[in-house]
N, C-alpha and C. Protein backbone atom coordinates (compact mmCIF):
# COMPACT_ATOMS: atom_id res chain seq x y z
N UNK A 1 10.71 1.06 -14.72
CA UNK A 1 11.27 2.97 -14.76
C UNK A 1 10.38 3.48 -15.15
N UNK A 2 9.21 3.15 -15.77
CA UNK A 2 8.61 4.29 -16.62
C UNK A 2 7.50 4.42 -15.23
N UNK A 3 7.30 3.10 -14.33
CA UNK A 3 5.97 4.66 -14.09
C UNK A 3 7.00 5.29 -12.47
N UNK A 4 8.10 5.04 -12.43
CA UNK A 4 9.02 5.89 -11.39
C UNK A 4 9.06 6.88 -12.44
N UNK A 5 9.00 7.71 -13.71
CA UNK A 5 9.04 8.32 -14.30
C UNK A 5 7.73 8.82 -13.97
N UNK A 6 6.65 8.11 -14.34
CA UNK A 6 5.20 9.32 -15.03
C UNK A 6 4.73 9.27 -12.93
N UNK A 7 5.31 8.82 -12.04
CA UNK A 7 4.79 9.74 -10.72
C UNK A 7 5.25 10.69 -10.64
N UNK A 8 6.23 10.50 -11.49
CA UNK A 8 7.03 12.21 -10.57
C UNK A 8 6.20 13.21 -11.19
N UNK A 9 5.45 12.85 -12.88
CA UNK A 9 5.20 13.62 -13.31
C UNK A 9 3.76 13.99 -12.11
N UNK A 10 3.13 13.06 -11.90
CA UNK A 10 1.70 12.73 -11.27
C UNK A 10 2.46 13.71 -10.50
N UNK A 11 3.57 14.31 -9.55
CA UNK A 11 2.99 14.34 -8.02
C UNK A 11 2.31 15.55 -7.74
N UNK A 12 2.45 16.69 -9.11
CA UNK A 12 1.99 17.59 -7.51
C UNK A 12 0.45 17.91 -7.99
N UNK A 13 0.23 16.74 -8.61
CA UNK A 13 -1.57 16.99 -8.61
C UNK A 13 -1.87 15.28 -8.14
N UNK A 14 -1.38 14.67 -8.24
CA UNK A 14 -1.45 12.92 -7.78
C UNK A 14 -2.76 13.59 -6.09
N UNK A 15 -2.52 14.85 -4.86
CA UNK A 15 -3.62 14.07 -4.33
C UNK A 15 -4.51 14.73 -4.18
N UNK A 16 -4.99 14.73 -5.65
CA UNK A 16 -6.37 15.76 -6.04
C UNK A 16 -6.62 14.41 -6.64
N UNK A 17 -6.04 13.34 -7.31
CA UNK A 17 -6.64 12.29 -7.95
C UNK A 17 -7.44 11.80 -7.14
N UNK A 18 -6.15 10.80 -5.63
CA UNK A 18 -6.43 10.09 -5.44
C UNK A 18 -7.32 9.75 -3.49
N UNK A 19 -7.99 11.59 -3.40
CA UNK A 19 -8.15 12.10 -1.85
C UNK A 19 -9.57 12.05 -2.23
N UNK A 20 -9.98 12.93 -1.47
CA UNK A 20 -11.46 13.05 -1.73
C UNK A 20 -12.16 11.17 -1.24
N UNK A 21 -12.37 10.62 -1.72
CA UNK A 21 -13.72 9.86 -1.42
C UNK A 21 -13.09 8.69 -0.95
N UNK A 22 -11.67 8.45 -1.07
CA UNK A 22 -10.66 7.73 -0.78
C UNK A 22 -10.37 7.46 0.82
N UNK A 23 -10.08 9.19 1.18
CA UNK A 23 -10.04 8.97 1.95
C UNK A 23 -10.15 8.48 3.59
N UNK A 24 -11.70 8.26 3.75
CA UNK A 24 -12.20 7.63 4.43
C UNK A 24 -12.28 6.42 4.39
N UNK A 25 -11.16 5.22 3.43
CA UNK A 25 -10.94 4.19 3.82
C UNK A 25 -10.11 4.13 3.47
N UNK A 26 -8.98 4.62 3.53
CA UNK A 26 -8.25 4.87 4.33
C UNK A 26 -7.43 5.07 5.42
N UNK A 27 -8.55 5.53 6.30
CA UNK A 27 -8.98 5.13 7.79
C UNK A 27 -9.50 4.73 8.23
N UNK A 28 -10.62 4.29 7.01
CA UNK A 28 -11.24 2.86 7.76
C UNK A 28 -9.86 2.21 7.87
N UNK A 29 -8.64 1.64 6.64
CA UNK A 29 -7.74 0.39 6.97
C UNK A 29 -7.46 0.61 7.88
N UNK A 30 -6.64 1.67 8.61
CA UNK A 30 -5.50 2.00 9.01
C UNK A 30 -6.57 1.51 10.95
N UNK A 31 -7.92 1.97 10.91
CA UNK A 31 -8.13 2.12 12.07
C UNK A 31 -8.64 -0.02 12.48
N UNK A 32 -8.19 -0.67 12.01
CA UNK A 32 -7.86 -1.62 11.86
C UNK A 32 -7.01 -2.29 12.69
N UNK A 33 -6.01 -1.74 12.71
CA UNK A 33 -4.67 -1.51 13.42
C UNK A 33 -5.30 -1.72 14.73
N UNK A 34 -4.28 -2.64 15.34
CA UNK A 34 -4.60 -1.99 17.22
C UNK A 34 -2.56 -2.59 17.59
N UNK A 35 -3.38 -1.82 19.23
CA UNK A 35 -1.71 -2.38 20.07
C UNK A 35 -0.26 -1.91 18.90
N UNK A 36 -0.77 -0.24 19.00
CA UNK A 36 0.71 0.06 18.00
C UNK A 36 1.78 0.39 19.32
N UNK A 37 2.04 0.25 19.97
CA UNK A 37 2.75 0.53 20.96
C UNK A 37 3.92 0.08 21.00
N UNK A 38 4.82 0.83 20.31
CA UNK A 38 6.49 0.86 20.48
C UNK A 38 6.75 -0.63 18.28
N UNK A 39 5.67 -0.49 18.13
CA UNK A 39 5.43 -1.68 16.38
C UNK A 39 6.12 -0.58 15.81
N UNK A 40 6.73 -1.54 15.52
CA UNK A 40 7.43 -1.27 13.90
C UNK A 40 7.11 -1.25 12.61
N UNK A 41 6.38 -0.24 11.92
CA UNK A 41 5.79 -0.47 10.86
C UNK A 41 5.74 0.26 9.71
N UNK A 42 5.74 -0.86 8.21
CA UNK A 42 6.41 -0.62 7.32
C UNK A 42 4.95 0.19 6.25
N UNK A 43 5.19 1.57 5.90
CA UNK A 43 4.09 2.04 5.08
C UNK A 43 4.93 1.57 3.65
N UNK A 44 4.40 0.93 2.92
CA UNK A 44 4.81 0.49 2.01
C UNK A 44 3.98 0.95 0.50
N UNK A 45 5.11 1.74 0.21
CA UNK A 45 4.54 2.73 -0.89
C UNK A 45 3.97 4.28 -0.44
N UNK A 46 4.26 5.34 0.23
CA UNK A 46 3.88 5.59 1.57
C UNK A 46 3.11 6.92 0.22
N UNK A 47 3.97 6.89 -1.09
CA UNK A 47 3.77 8.06 -2.37
C UNK A 47 3.62 9.62 -1.52
N UNK A 48 2.81 10.62 -1.53
CA UNK A 48 2.62 11.77 -1.41
C UNK A 48 2.25 11.78 -0.14
N UNK A 49 2.38 10.49 1.57
CA UNK A 49 2.13 10.65 2.72
C UNK A 49 0.72 10.81 2.84
N UNK A 50 -0.92 10.61 1.98
CA UNK A 50 -1.90 10.85 2.52
C UNK A 50 -2.67 9.27 4.02
N UNK A 51 -1.47 8.23 3.75
CA UNK A 51 -1.80 7.86 5.08
C UNK A 51 -1.78 8.58 6.33
N UNK A 52 -0.28 9.45 6.29
CA UNK A 52 -0.05 9.43 7.56
C UNK A 52 -0.82 10.59 8.99
N UNK A 53 -2.42 11.45 8.29
CA UNK A 53 -2.79 11.99 9.44
C UNK A 53 -3.69 10.74 10.52
N UNK A 54 -3.25 9.62 9.47
CA UNK A 54 -4.44 8.29 9.45
C UNK A 54 -3.48 7.41 10.91
N UNK A 55 -1.96 8.21 10.88
CA UNK A 55 -1.33 6.51 11.60
C UNK A 55 -1.54 6.62 13.33
N UNK A 56 -1.75 5.63 14.01
CA UNK A 56 -1.90 5.61 15.23
C UNK A 56 -0.08 6.60 15.35
N UNK A 57 -0.32 7.28 16.72
CA UNK A 57 1.38 8.35 16.91
C UNK A 57 2.04 7.49 18.17
N UNK A 58 1.57 5.85 18.25
CA UNK A 58 3.08 5.43 19.81
C UNK A 58 3.89 4.58 18.62
N UNK A 59 3.88 4.75 17.37
CA UNK A 59 3.98 3.54 16.79
C UNK A 59 6.25 4.38 15.83
N UNK A 60 6.57 3.30 15.48
CA UNK A 60 7.65 3.73 14.86
C UNK A 60 7.22 3.78 14.11
N UNK A 61 7.62 4.37 12.09
CA UNK A 61 7.02 3.79 11.10
C UNK A 61 8.45 4.35 10.02
N UNK A 62 8.65 3.43 9.22
CA UNK A 62 9.34 3.81 7.98
C UNK A 62 8.62 3.21 6.47
N UNK A 63 8.56 4.82 5.90
CA UNK A 63 7.71 5.34 4.61
C UNK A 63 8.46 4.84 3.67
N UNK A 64 7.93 3.99 2.64
CA UNK A 64 8.76 4.50 1.23
C UNK A 64 8.41 4.13 0.06
N UNK A 65 8.90 4.99 -0.98
CA UNK A 65 8.46 5.11 -1.95
C UNK A 65 9.20 5.04 -3.35
N UNK A 66 9.57 4.60 -4.67
CA UNK A 66 9.92 4.48 -5.08
C UNK A 66 11.00 5.50 -6.45
N UNK A 67 9.66 6.55 -5.56
CA UNK A 67 9.35 7.91 -6.59
C UNK A 67 9.92 9.58 -5.66
N UNK A 68 11.44 9.62 -6.05
CA UNK A 68 11.68 10.96 -4.91
C UNK A 68 10.91 11.91 -4.74
N UNK A 69 10.24 12.69 -5.95
CA UNK A 69 9.05 13.39 -5.57
C UNK A 69 7.71 13.02 -5.52
N UNK A 70 7.66 12.21 -4.88
CA UNK A 70 6.88 11.05 -4.01
C UNK A 70 6.67 11.78 -2.64
N UNK A 71 8.30 10.94 -2.56
CA UNK A 71 8.19 10.60 -0.96
C UNK A 71 9.26 12.51 -0.20
N UNK A 72 9.62 13.34 -1.87
CA UNK A 72 9.24 14.50 -1.15
C UNK A 72 7.54 15.21 -0.40
N UNK A 73 7.18 15.08 -0.61
CA UNK A 73 5.90 15.70 -0.78
C UNK A 73 5.26 15.06 0.80
N UNK A 74 5.20 13.38 0.89
CA UNK A 74 5.73 12.73 2.22
C UNK A 74 5.96 13.05 3.77
N UNK A 75 7.35 13.62 3.02
CA UNK A 75 8.14 14.09 4.01
C UNK A 75 6.97 15.40 4.52
N UNK A 76 6.92 16.34 3.32
CA UNK A 76 6.47 17.56 3.67
C UNK A 76 5.13 17.45 4.86
N UNK A 77 5.12 17.04 4.27
CA UNK A 77 2.94 16.16 5.00
C UNK A 77 3.37 16.42 6.22
N UNK A 78 4.66 15.17 6.67
CA UNK A 78 4.89 15.02 8.32
C UNK A 78 5.62 15.87 8.41
N UNK A 79 6.15 16.68 8.29
CA UNK A 79 7.13 17.51 9.23
C UNK A 79 6.25 19.32 9.41
N UNK A 80 5.21 19.66 8.12
CA UNK A 80 4.55 20.68 8.28
C UNK A 80 3.46 20.73 8.65
N UNK A 81 3.30 19.18 9.47
CA UNK A 81 2.70 19.38 10.89
C UNK A 81 0.44 18.35 10.28
N UNK A 82 0.74 18.14 8.97
CA UNK A 82 -0.56 17.98 8.43
C UNK A 82 -1.19 16.53 8.79
N UNK A 83 -0.10 16.06 10.02
CA UNK A 83 -1.30 14.20 10.27
C UNK A 83 -0.50 14.90 11.17
N UNK A 84 0.80 13.99 11.37
CA UNK A 84 0.82 14.21 13.11
C UNK A 84 1.88 14.96 13.14
N UNK A 85 2.86 16.36 14.28
CA UNK A 85 3.69 16.54 13.74
C UNK A 85 4.47 15.67 14.83
N UNK A 86 3.52 14.84 15.33
CA UNK A 86 5.01 14.17 15.98
C UNK A 86 4.90 12.61 16.31
N UNK A 87 4.31 12.32 15.88
CA UNK A 87 5.13 10.82 14.78
C UNK A 87 5.61 10.30 14.60
N UNK A 88 6.44 9.33 14.75
CA UNK A 88 7.68 9.25 14.43
C UNK A 88 8.20 8.28 13.12
N UNK A 89 8.28 9.14 12.31
CA UNK A 89 8.49 8.32 10.77
C UNK A 89 9.56 8.48 10.01
N UNK A 90 10.48 7.81 8.93
CA UNK A 90 11.62 7.83 8.80
C UNK A 90 11.35 7.18 7.72
N UNK A 91 11.27 7.98 6.19
CA UNK A 91 11.68 7.75 4.88
C UNK A 91 12.68 8.06 4.12
N UNK A 92 11.99 6.19 2.98
CA UNK A 92 13.19 5.72 2.35
C UNK A 92 13.06 5.62 1.26
N UNK A 93 13.74 5.54 0.15
CA UNK A 93 13.07 5.21 -0.97
C UNK A 93 13.82 3.72 -1.66
N UNK A 94 12.57 3.29 -1.56
CA UNK A 94 12.73 1.96 -1.80
C UNK A 94 11.30 1.20 -3.24
N UNK A 95 12.46 0.04 -3.80
CA UNK A 95 11.24 -0.85 -4.92
C UNK A 95 10.35 -1.82 -4.09
N UNK A 96 8.59 -1.47 -3.82
CA UNK A 96 8.18 -2.76 -2.49
C UNK A 96 8.19 -4.07 -3.66
N UNK A 97 9.55 -3.89 -4.59
CA UNK A 97 9.53 -5.46 -5.35
C UNK A 97 10.90 -6.06 -5.16
N UNK A 98 11.26 -5.32 -3.83
CA UNK A 98 13.21 -5.89 -3.63
C UNK A 98 12.82 -4.89 -2.52
N UNK A 99 12.94 -4.87 -1.29
CA UNK A 99 12.57 -4.17 -0.22
C UNK A 99 14.17 -4.25 0.43
N UNK A 100 15.43 -3.38 1.06
CA UNK A 100 15.51 -2.89 1.73
C UNK A 100 15.93 -3.47 3.71
N UNK A 101 15.41 -4.39 3.41
CA UNK A 101 15.66 -4.53 4.68
C UNK A 101 15.75 -5.68 4.77
N UNK A 102 15.69 -6.60 6.24
CA UNK A 102 15.92 -7.52 6.55
C UNK A 102 14.93 -8.12 6.57
N UNK A 103 15.39 -9.85 6.53
CA UNK A 103 13.25 -10.47 6.97
C UNK A 103 13.78 -10.44 8.15
N UNK A 104 11.68 -10.26 8.79
CA UNK A 104 11.55 -10.00 9.52
C UNK A 104 11.12 -8.58 10.48
N UNK A 105 11.51 -7.48 9.54
CA UNK A 105 12.01 -6.51 10.22
C UNK A 105 10.80 -5.74 11.01
N UNK A 106 9.14 -6.03 10.59
CA UNK A 106 8.30 -5.32 11.02
C UNK A 106 7.61 -6.08 11.68
N UNK A 107 6.49 -5.14 12.34
CA UNK A 107 5.38 -6.36 12.51
C UNK A 107 4.19 -5.48 11.93
N UNK A 108 3.84 -4.77 11.42
CA UNK A 108 2.96 -4.54 10.52
C UNK A 108 3.40 -4.42 9.18
N UNK A 109 2.37 -3.99 7.94
CA UNK A 109 2.98 -3.74 7.14
C UNK A 109 1.55 -3.48 5.99
N UNK A 110 1.73 -2.35 5.75
CA UNK A 110 0.90 -1.55 4.98
C UNK A 110 0.55 -1.36 3.84
N UNK A 111 -0.44 -1.74 2.35
CA UNK A 111 -0.31 -1.47 1.24
C UNK A 111 -0.96 -0.83 0.87
N UNK A 112 -1.23 0.46 0.70
CA UNK A 112 -2.63 1.08 0.29
C UNK A 112 -2.27 1.49 -1.45
N UNK A 113 -2.80 1.03 -2.00
CA UNK A 113 -2.96 1.24 -4.15
C UNK A 113 -1.40 1.12 -4.01
N UNK A 114 -0.89 0.00 -3.45
CA UNK A 114 -0.03 0.18 -3.51
C UNK A 114 0.14 -1.02 -5.26
N UNK A 115 -0.64 -2.83 -4.88
CA UNK A 115 -0.07 -3.77 -5.13
C UNK A 115 -0.67 -3.44 -6.55
N UNK A 116 -1.97 -2.54 -6.84
CA UNK A 116 -2.31 -2.44 -8.63
C UNK A 116 -1.68 -1.77 -9.12
N UNK A 117 -0.50 -0.97 -9.15
CA UNK A 117 0.41 -0.19 -9.06
C UNK A 117 1.24 -1.12 -9.84
N UNK A 118 2.00 -1.79 -8.55
CA UNK A 118 3.86 -2.55 -9.69
C UNK A 118 3.58 -2.73 -10.23
N UNK A 119 4.38 -3.54 -11.02
CA UNK A 119 4.98 -4.30 -12.33
C UNK A 119 4.69 -5.89 -11.99
N UNK A 120 5.24 -6.48 -10.75
CA UNK A 120 4.24 -7.37 -10.84
C UNK A 120 3.73 -7.67 -8.89
N UNK A 121 2.56 -7.39 -8.89
CA UNK A 121 2.30 -7.20 -6.92
C UNK A 121 2.58 -8.67 -7.02
N UNK A 122 2.50 -10.06 -7.08
CA UNK A 122 3.02 -11.37 -6.20
C UNK A 122 3.70 -11.09 -6.03
N UNK A 123 5.60 -10.09 -6.55
CA UNK A 123 6.76 -10.15 -6.16
C UNK A 123 6.14 -8.73 -5.09
N UNK A 124 5.67 -7.66 -4.64
CA UNK A 124 5.48 -7.40 -4.18
C UNK A 124 4.63 -7.69 -2.26
N UNK A 125 4.33 -8.39 -2.96
CA UNK A 125 3.12 -8.99 -1.94
C UNK A 125 4.28 -10.86 -0.59
N UNK A 126 5.10 -11.05 -1.84
CA UNK A 126 5.97 -11.84 -1.31
C UNK A 126 7.03 -11.32 -0.79
N UNK A 127 7.69 -9.87 -0.99
CA UNK A 127 8.66 -8.81 -0.54
C UNK A 127 7.44 -8.46 1.77
N UNK A 128 6.72 -8.34 0.84
CA UNK A 128 6.40 -7.54 1.98
C UNK A 128 5.95 -8.75 3.19
N UNK A 129 5.97 -9.67 2.52
CA UNK A 129 5.62 -10.71 4.28
C UNK A 129 7.08 -11.41 4.33
N UNK A 130 8.00 -11.48 3.53
CA UNK A 130 9.52 -11.37 3.83
C UNK A 130 9.86 -10.30 5.39
N UNK A 131 9.76 -8.87 4.68
CA UNK A 131 10.10 -8.42 6.32
C UNK A 131 9.35 -8.50 7.15
N UNK A 132 8.12 -9.30 7.04
CA UNK A 132 6.99 -9.10 8.06
C UNK A 132 7.73 -9.71 9.03
N UNK A 133 7.28 -10.08 10.39
CA UNK A 133 8.13 -11.18 11.91
C UNK A 133 6.13 -11.90 11.36
N UNK A 134 6.41 -13.25 11.85
CA UNK A 134 5.29 -14.96 12.71
C UNK A 134 4.44 -13.64 13.21
N UNK A 135 3.23 -13.75 13.40
CA UNK A 135 2.07 -13.11 14.17
C UNK A 135 2.05 -11.87 13.05
N UNK A 136 3.00 -10.94 12.77
CA UNK A 136 2.30 -9.92 12.16
C UNK A 136 1.34 -9.63 10.40
N UNK A 137 1.10 -8.77 10.48
CA UNK A 137 -0.49 -8.31 9.94
C UNK A 137 0.37 -7.13 8.66
N UNK A 138 -0.59 -7.71 7.32
CA UNK A 138 -0.94 -6.71 6.14
C UNK A 138 -2.07 -5.74 6.07
N UNK A 139 -1.95 -5.22 5.37
CA UNK A 139 -3.21 -4.10 5.47
C UNK A 139 -3.33 -3.46 4.14
N UNK A 140 -4.24 -3.92 3.67
CA UNK A 140 -4.17 -3.58 1.97
C UNK A 140 -5.80 -3.24 1.49
N UNK A 141 -5.55 -2.17 0.87
CA UNK A 141 -6.58 -1.11 0.23
C UNK A 141 -6.19 -0.82 -1.47
N UNK A 142 -7.53 -1.90 -1.71
CA UNK A 142 -6.61 -2.10 -3.51
C UNK A 142 -7.62 -1.77 -4.30
N UNK A 143 -7.53 -2.08 -5.19
CA UNK A 143 -8.86 -2.89 -6.54
C UNK A 143 -8.96 -4.11 -7.58
N UNK A 144 -9.09 -4.98 -6.51
CA UNK A 144 -8.95 -5.75 -8.05
C UNK A 144 -10.03 -6.75 -8.47
N UNK A 145 -9.69 -7.25 -9.77
CA UNK A 145 -11.32 -8.25 -10.45
C UNK A 145 -11.01 -9.67 -9.21
N UNK A 146 -12.35 -9.66 -9.09
CA UNK A 146 -12.43 -11.05 -8.23
C UNK A 146 -12.33 -11.82 -9.48
N UNK A 147 -11.57 -13.77 -8.64
CA UNK A 147 -11.27 -14.60 -9.38
C UNK A 147 -12.74 -15.50 -10.56
N UNK A 148 -12.69 -14.66 -11.36
CA UNK A 148 -12.94 -15.46 -12.61
C UNK A 148 -14.27 -14.86 -13.23
N UNK A 149 -13.82 -13.40 -12.47
CA UNK A 149 -14.57 -12.66 -13.61
C UNK A 149 -14.57 -11.96 -14.76
N UNK A 150 -14.81 -11.48 -15.61
CA UNK A 150 -14.82 -11.21 -17.20
C UNK A 150 -14.33 -10.02 -16.58
N UNK A 151 -14.81 -8.35 -16.80
CA UNK A 151 -14.18 -7.68 -15.97
C UNK A 151 -13.39 -6.72 -17.46
N UNK A 152 -14.53 -7.07 -18.81
CA UNK A 152 -13.56 -6.96 -20.55
C UNK A 152 -12.91 -6.22 -20.05
N UNK A 153 -13.53 -4.81 -20.12
CA UNK A 153 -13.92 -3.04 -19.36
C UNK A 153 -11.69 -3.12 -18.99
N UNK A 154 -12.35 -3.72 -17.37
CA UNK A 154 -11.14 -3.12 -17.00
C UNK A 154 -9.80 -3.98 -17.42
N UNK A 155 -9.82 -5.60 -18.01
CA UNK A 155 -9.13 -5.81 -18.26
C UNK A 155 -7.96 -5.16 -19.68
N UNK A 156 -9.11 -4.70 -20.32
CA UNK A 156 -8.30 -3.87 -21.20
C UNK A 156 -8.28 -3.08 -20.98
N UNK A 157 -8.43 -2.05 -20.53
CA UNK A 157 -7.65 -0.56 -19.60
C UNK A 157 -6.55 -0.77 -19.83
N UNK A 158 -6.10 -1.30 -18.62
CA UNK A 158 -5.23 -1.95 -18.31
C UNK A 158 -4.22 -2.40 -19.12
N UNK A 159 -4.00 -2.44 -20.72
CA UNK A 159 -3.05 -2.36 -21.61
C UNK A 159 -2.66 -1.77 -21.71
N UNK A 160 -3.48 -0.81 -21.09
CA UNK A 160 -2.94 1.14 -21.71
C UNK A 160 -2.36 1.95 -20.85
N UNK A 161 -2.48 1.78 -19.84
CA UNK A 161 -2.62 2.35 -18.82
C UNK A 161 -1.21 1.80 -17.41
N UNK A 162 -0.85 0.74 -17.53
CA UNK A 162 -0.43 -0.26 -16.65
C UNK A 162 1.13 0.17 -16.08
N UNK A 163 1.58 0.68 -17.61
CA UNK A 163 3.16 1.54 -17.40
C UNK A 163 3.20 2.59 -17.48
N UNK A 164 2.23 3.13 -16.85
CA UNK A 164 2.25 5.17 -16.44
C UNK A 164 1.05 5.92 -15.50
N UNK A 165 0.55 4.75 -14.81
CA UNK A 165 -0.85 4.98 -14.03
C UNK A 165 -0.97 3.20 -12.73
N UNK A 166 -1.60 2.82 -12.95
CA UNK A 166 -1.96 1.84 -12.75
C UNK A 166 -2.57 0.39 -13.10
N UNK A 167 -2.58 -0.53 -12.48
CA UNK A 167 -3.01 -1.86 -13.20
C UNK A 167 -4.33 -1.56 -12.78
N UNK A 168 -5.73 -2.45 -13.81
CA UNK A 168 -6.51 -2.72 -13.47
C UNK A 168 -7.22 -3.61 -13.26
N UNK A 169 -6.75 -4.98 -13.60
CA UNK A 169 -6.59 -6.03 -14.16
C UNK A 169 -6.23 -7.28 -13.06
N UNK A 170 -5.43 -6.64 -11.61
CA UNK A 170 -5.17 -7.43 -10.95
C UNK A 170 -5.76 -8.24 -9.98
N UNK A 171 -5.75 -9.63 -9.53
CA UNK A 171 -7.03 -10.99 -9.59
C UNK A 171 -5.85 -10.87 -7.94
N UNK A 172 -6.77 -10.36 -7.48
CA UNK A 172 -5.91 -10.46 -5.37
C UNK A 172 -5.48 -12.37 -5.14
N UNK A 173 -6.77 -13.21 -5.44
CA UNK A 173 -6.21 -14.37 -5.53
C UNK A 173 -5.34 -15.16 -5.84
N UNK A 174 -4.71 -14.88 -6.81
CA UNK A 174 -3.82 -14.55 -7.91
C UNK A 174 -2.63 -14.59 -7.60
N UNK A 175 -2.67 -13.39 -6.67
CA UNK A 175 -1.67 -12.71 -5.60
C UNK A 175 -0.80 -13.35 -5.04
N UNK A 176 -2.24 -14.08 -4.04
CA UNK A 176 -1.70 -14.21 -2.67
C UNK A 176 -1.72 -16.12 -2.45
N UNK A 177 -1.95 -16.30 -3.75
CA UNK A 177 -1.98 -17.86 -3.91
C UNK A 177 -0.05 -18.09 -3.46
N UNK A 178 1.05 -16.96 -3.57
CA UNK A 178 2.53 -16.97 -4.05
C UNK A 178 2.81 -16.08 -2.50
N UNK A 179 2.31 -16.71 -2.25
CA UNK A 179 2.33 -16.53 -0.22
C UNK A 179 1.67 -17.25 0.54
N UNK A 180 2.00 -18.85 0.52
CA UNK A 180 1.26 -19.60 1.53
C UNK A 180 0.62 -19.87 2.93
N UNK A 181 1.87 -18.77 3.26
CA UNK A 181 2.07 -18.18 4.59
C UNK A 181 0.88 -17.20 4.90
N UNK A 182 0.41 -16.74 4.30
CA UNK A 182 -0.49 -15.74 5.04
C UNK A 182 -1.75 -16.35 4.10
N UNK A 183 -2.23 -15.20 5.66
CA UNK A 183 -3.60 -15.34 5.22
C UNK A 183 -5.31 -14.76 5.93
N UNK A 184 -6.18 -14.85 5.33
CA UNK A 184 -7.02 -13.45 5.43
C UNK A 184 -7.67 -13.81 6.41
N UNK A 185 -8.15 -13.05 7.00
CA UNK A 185 -8.71 -13.18 8.49
C UNK A 185 -9.67 -10.95 8.21
N UNK A 186 -9.43 -10.87 6.88
CA UNK A 186 -11.09 -10.11 6.88
C UNK A 186 -10.43 -9.49 5.29
N UNK A 187 -12.31 -9.14 4.67
CA UNK A 187 -11.71 -9.72 3.37
C UNK A 187 -13.34 -8.08 3.21
N UNK A 188 -13.15 -7.22 2.79
CA UNK A 188 -14.68 -6.23 2.55
C UNK A 188 -14.50 -5.18 1.39
N UNK A 189 -16.15 -5.18 1.15
CA UNK A 189 -16.15 -4.35 -0.21
C UNK A 189 -15.48 -3.19 0.38
N UNK A 190 -15.10 -2.74 -0.55
CA UNK A 190 -15.39 -0.48 -0.29
C UNK A 190 -15.58 -0.06 -2.11
N UNK A 191 -15.22 -0.04 -1.89
CA UNK A 191 -16.11 1.26 -3.83
C UNK A 191 -16.01 0.62 -4.69
N UNK A 192 -16.72 1.16 -5.05
CA UNK A 192 -16.76 1.11 -6.59
C UNK A 192 -17.78 0.08 -7.45
N UNK A 193 -18.47 -0.82 -5.89
CA UNK A 193 -19.52 -1.72 -6.01
C UNK A 193 -18.15 -3.22 -5.59
N UNK A 194 -17.48 -2.72 -4.73
CA UNK A 194 -16.54 -3.50 -4.97
C UNK A 194 -15.28 -4.43 -5.34
N UNK A 195 -14.84 -3.01 -6.24
CA UNK A 195 -13.96 -3.46 -7.37
C UNK A 195 -12.63 -3.13 -6.19
N UNK A 196 -12.76 -1.96 -5.32
CA UNK A 196 -11.65 -1.88 -4.38
C UNK A 196 -12.50 -3.01 -2.95
N UNK A 197 -11.31 -3.07 -2.29
CA UNK A 197 -11.40 -3.96 -1.41
C UNK A 197 -10.60 -3.64 -0.47
N UNK A 198 -10.48 -3.61 1.39
CA UNK A 198 -10.43 -3.66 2.38
C UNK A 198 -9.67 -5.21 2.88
N UNK A 199 -8.74 -5.43 2.88
CA UNK A 199 -8.32 -7.11 2.95
C UNK A 199 -7.10 -6.89 4.04
N UNK A 200 -7.31 -7.29 5.65
CA UNK A 200 -6.24 -7.77 6.08
C UNK A 200 -5.37 -9.22 5.82
N UNK A 201 -4.53 -9.25 6.00
CA UNK A 201 -3.90 -10.58 6.08
C UNK A 201 -2.79 -11.40 7.80
N UNK A 202 -2.50 -12.37 7.80
CA UNK A 202 -1.99 -12.53 8.70
C UNK A 202 -0.98 -13.26 8.76
N UNK A 203 0.17 -13.48 9.50
CA UNK A 203 1.64 -14.72 8.88
C UNK A 203 1.33 -15.49 9.51
N UNK A 204 1.74 -16.80 9.67
CA UNK A 204 1.92 -17.98 10.45
C UNK A 204 3.15 -18.21 9.86
N UNK A 205 3.85 -18.76 11.33
CA UNK A 205 5.31 -19.55 11.66
C UNK A 205 6.67 -19.25 10.74
């Protein structure tokens, strides 16, 4: 609940904190999504809707977030045409660690800057895997420590900020190990000398 309250406070300034250099990587991540016609896509942790301008306009979307103030901003961004005024998108208040959707509900799941925010990233990925159809893809843009990397400053920093903003100690490979049906099909370094990564996963079986 602490994160929900802190992001309520951060909502008015969130765009100024995470846009700018990150926008190009959001666009790059979403440009990897192909064959979107009539696909059902979950934007898991949509925040203030910064992904909206980069979404293909021939799919159906549900954007979720745990913070009403963030969802309000996402709705405003979609409705005023800041992104794509013809976009077929709805919004739902939801916890990424306990999604209110049936198994195998979505063709694609997008997780931008969410796995390193939630208290339990493994549980969030498990939930994304659960609602994803076999053969579907998950697109991730986030910051992760590499396996075996000391990253002492990042690990120490996480102790102080994980309950109010984000974690800086998440090892993606550890998170992925909880979802054996997911396979990495692409893993590219992005910002901060590869601390941020663009990752694509595919679900088999």
